Amino acid sequence: MAEAAAEFGAGVVVMHMRGDPLTMQRHTRYDDVVGEVRAGLELGLRRALDAGVREIWLDPGLGFGKDTAGNLTLLRRLPELLDLGFPLYVGASRKRFIGELTGRDAPLERSYGSVGAALAAVAGGASALRVHDVAATRDALAVFLAARPPVVGAA
């Protein structure tokens, strides 16, 4: 797929996922979730760069072969992925781990928790988000970004 993206000048999202959609939730145990996700992203990143892709986004793959603890660790430690040199893309919206944290079984009831996850992702350095509830997320981000203290040392 990277070769096709490069040929047509398309960007790609390199996402970490352990296994495939049918088996990924059977393999959620990691010795070092951030380190292993980082290694997987580096491998995908190298493939994309070697194919000639110019626009690349990195997605830690929340919910794709990760349990609640792993997802939370990745959200907390997103800044550790920034030094890979590519923007982070995070899709936490309505994921099962949000339901586990909020007690909301139905994905449609996870809007508020999803907005919270989006804010956490942006606080951790995410440049792009995949969301279902666009207006709510946009409004929350407008307030969050306006009220956030300036980064020390930033221009």
Protein backbone atom coordinates (compact mmCIF):
# COMPACT_ATOMS: atom_id res chain seq x y z
CA MET A 1 0.00 0.00 0.00
CA ALA A 2 2.88 2.38 0.72
CA GLU A 3 4.08 2.11 -2.88
CA ALA A 4 0.61 3.03 -4.20
CA ALA A 5 0.38 5.97 -1.81
CA ALA A 6 3.79 7.21 -2.94
CA GLU A 7 2.91 6.76 -6.62
CA PHE A 8 -0.24 8.87 -6.29
CA GLY A 9 1.18 11.39 -3.83
CA ALA A 10 -1.16 10.32 -1.04
CA GLY A 11 -0.35 10.56 2.63
CA VAL A 12 -0.59 7.57 4.95
CA VAL A 13 -1.38 6.86 8.56
CA VAL A 14 0.99 4.30 10.00
CA MET A 15 -0.98 2.61 12.78
CA HIS A 16 0.15 0.07 15.34
CA MET A 17 -1.99 -3.04 15.64
CA ARG A 18 -1.07 -6.40 17.06
CA GLY A 19 -2.64 -9.24 15.11
CA ASP A 20 -5.64 -8.61 12.89
CA PRO A 21 -9.15 -7.33 13.65
CA LEU A 22 -10.36 -10.84 14.43
CA THR A 23 -7.55 -11.74 16.85
CA MET A 24 -6.15 -8.43 18.14
CA GLN A 25 -8.03 -8.39 21.44
CA ARG A 26 -6.59 -11.81 22.35
CA HIS A 27 -3.11 -10.29 22.41
CA THR A 28 -3.24 -7.26 24.70
CA ARG A 29 -0.38 -8.09 27.07
CA TYR A 30 2.83 -6.08 26.65
CA ASP A 31 6.03 -5.96 28.66
CA ASP A 32 6.43 -2.31 27.59
CA VAL A 33 3.42 -1.07 25.62
CA VAL A 34 5.01 2.25 24.65
CA GLY A 35 8.29 0.66 23.60
CA GLU A 36 6.59 -2.07 21.59
CA VAL A 37 4.17 0.36 19.93
CA ARG A 38 7.08 2.66 19.14
CA ALA A 39 9.03 -0.21 17.55
CA GLY A 40 6.02 -1.14 15.43
CA LEU A 41 5.53 2.46 14.33
CA GLU A 42 9.21 2.75 13.46
CA LEU A 43 8.94 -0.34 11.26
CA GLY A 44 5.87 1.00 9.44
CA LEU A 45 7.47 4.42 9.17
CA ARG A 46 10.59 2.93 7.57
CA ARG A 47 8.45 1.03 5.04
CA ALA A 48 6.54 4.18 4.12
CA LEU A 49 9.69 6.28 3.80
CA ASP A 50 11.46 3.59 1.75
CA ALA A 51 8.47 3.54 -0.61
CA GLY A 52 8.74 7.31 -1.06
CA VAL A 53 5.71 8.45 0.94
CA ARG A 54 6.11 12.11 1.87
CA GLU A 55 3.16 12.73 4.20
CA ILE A 56 3.03 10.37 7.17
CA TRP A 57 0.98 10.40 10.37
CA LEU A 58 1.64 8.02 13.27
CA ASP A 59 -1.24 6.38 15.12
CA PRO A 60 -0.53 4.36 18.30
CA GLY A 61 -3.65 2.31 17.55
CA LEU A 62 -5.67 2.78 20.72
CA GLY A 63 -8.00 -0.18 21.09
CA PHE A 64 -6.23 -2.24 18.44
CA GLY A 65 -4.65 -5.02 20.48
CA LYS A 66 -4.53 -2.96 23.67
CA ASP A 67 -6.48 -3.25 26.89
CA THR A 68 -7.69 -0.34 29.01
CA ALA A 69 -4.43 -0.08 30.94
CA GLY A 70 -2.39 -0.11 27.73
CA ASN A 71 -4.57 2.55 26.13
CA LEU A 72 -4.25 4.79 29.16
CA THR A 73 -0.49 4.30 29.28
CA LEU A 74 -0.24 5.28 25.62
CA LEU A 75 -2.38 8.39 26.17
CA ARG A 76 -0.27 9.42 29.16
CA ARG A 77 2.99 8.80 27.33
CA LEU A 78 2.16 10.11 23.84
CA PRO A 79 4.94 12.72 24.10
CA GLU A 80 7.45 9.84 23.95
CA LEU A 81 6.35 9.18 20.36
CA LEU A 82 6.81 12.77 19.19
CA ASP A 83 10.55 12.43 18.69
CA LEU A 84 9.90 10.04 15.80
CA GLY A 85 9.48 13.29 13.91
CA PHE A 86 6.01 12.83 12.46
CA PRO A 87 2.62 14.13 13.63
CA LEU A 88 0.51 11.93 15.87
CA TYR A 89 -3.00 10.90 14.86
CA VAL A 90 -5.16 9.46 17.64
CA GLY A 91 -8.52 7.74 17.38
CA ALA A 92 -10.02 7.06 20.80
CA SER A 93 -13.61 8.02 20.03
CA ARG A 94 -16.23 5.65 21.50
CA LYS A 95 -13.69 2.89 22.09
CA ARG A 96 -14.39 0.08 24.52
CA PHE A 97 -11.84 1.35 27.05
CA ILE A 98 -13.86 4.56 27.38
CA GLY A 99 -16.91 2.46 28.15
CA GLU A 100 -14.94 0.50 30.73
CA LEU A 101 -13.78 3.72 32.41
CA THR A 102 -17.20 5.41 32.37
CA GLY A 103 -19.52 2.46 32.80
CA ARG A 104 -21.13 3.15 29.42
CA ASP A 105 -21.69 -0.07 27.49
CA ALA A 106 -23.28 1.45 24.38
CA PRO A 107 -20.81 3.22 22.08
CA LEU A 108 -23.31 6.03 21.44
CA GLU A 109 -23.25 6.80 25.18
CA ARG A 110 -19.47 7.35 25.20
CA SER A 111 -19.46 10.88 23.74
CA TYR A 112 -18.36 12.71 26.88
CA GLY A 113 -15.63 10.22 27.64
CA SER A 114 -14.50 10.43 24.02
CA VAL A 115 -14.17 14.20 24.29
CA GLY A 116 -12.06 13.69 27.42
CA ALA A 117 -9.82 11.25 25.57
CA ALA A 118 -9.46 13.74 22.69
CA LEU A 119 -8.36 16.46 25.10
CA ALA A 120 -5.85 14.09 26.70
CA ALA A 121 -4.49 13.18 23.26
CA VAL A 122 -4.03 16.83 22.26
CA ALA A 123 -2.42 17.58 25.63
CA GLY A 124 0.01 14.74 24.86
CA GLY A 125 0.94 16.12 21.47
CA ALA A 126 -1.59 14.69 19.00
CA SER A 127 -1.96 16.84 15.90
CA ALA A 128 -5.03 15.10 14.49
CA LEU A 129 -7.94 13.17 15.94
CA ARG A 130 -10.46 10.68 14.64
CA VAL A 131 -13.77 11.47 16.30
CA HIS A 132 -17.46 10.73 15.94
CA ASP A 133 -18.81 13.74 17.82
CA VAL A 134 -17.16 16.51 15.81
CA ALA A 135 -19.04 19.53 17.19
CA ALA A 136 -18.60 18.54 20.84
CA THR A 137 -14.92 17.77 20.34
CA ARG A 138 -14.32 20.99 18.40
CA ASP A 139 -16.00 23.10 21.12
CA ALA A 140 -14.12 21.36 23.93
CA LEU A 141 -10.82 21.81 22.09
CA ALA A 142 -11.53 25.49 21.48
CA VAL A 143 -11.90 26.06 25.23
CA PHE A 144 -9.04 23.74 26.16
CA LEU A 145 -6.58 25.35 23.75
CA ALA A 146 -7.62 28.89 24.71
CA ALA A 147 -7.22 28.18 28.43
CA ARG A 148 -4.09 26.05 28.29
CA PRO A 149 -1.02 27.73 29.76
CA PRO A 150 1.73 28.54 27.27
CA VAL A 151 4.51 26.01 26.89
CA VAL A 152 7.66 27.22 28.62
CA GLY A 153 10.38 27.93 26.09
CA ALA A 154 8.00 27.90 23.10
CA ALA A 155 8.28 30.71 20.56
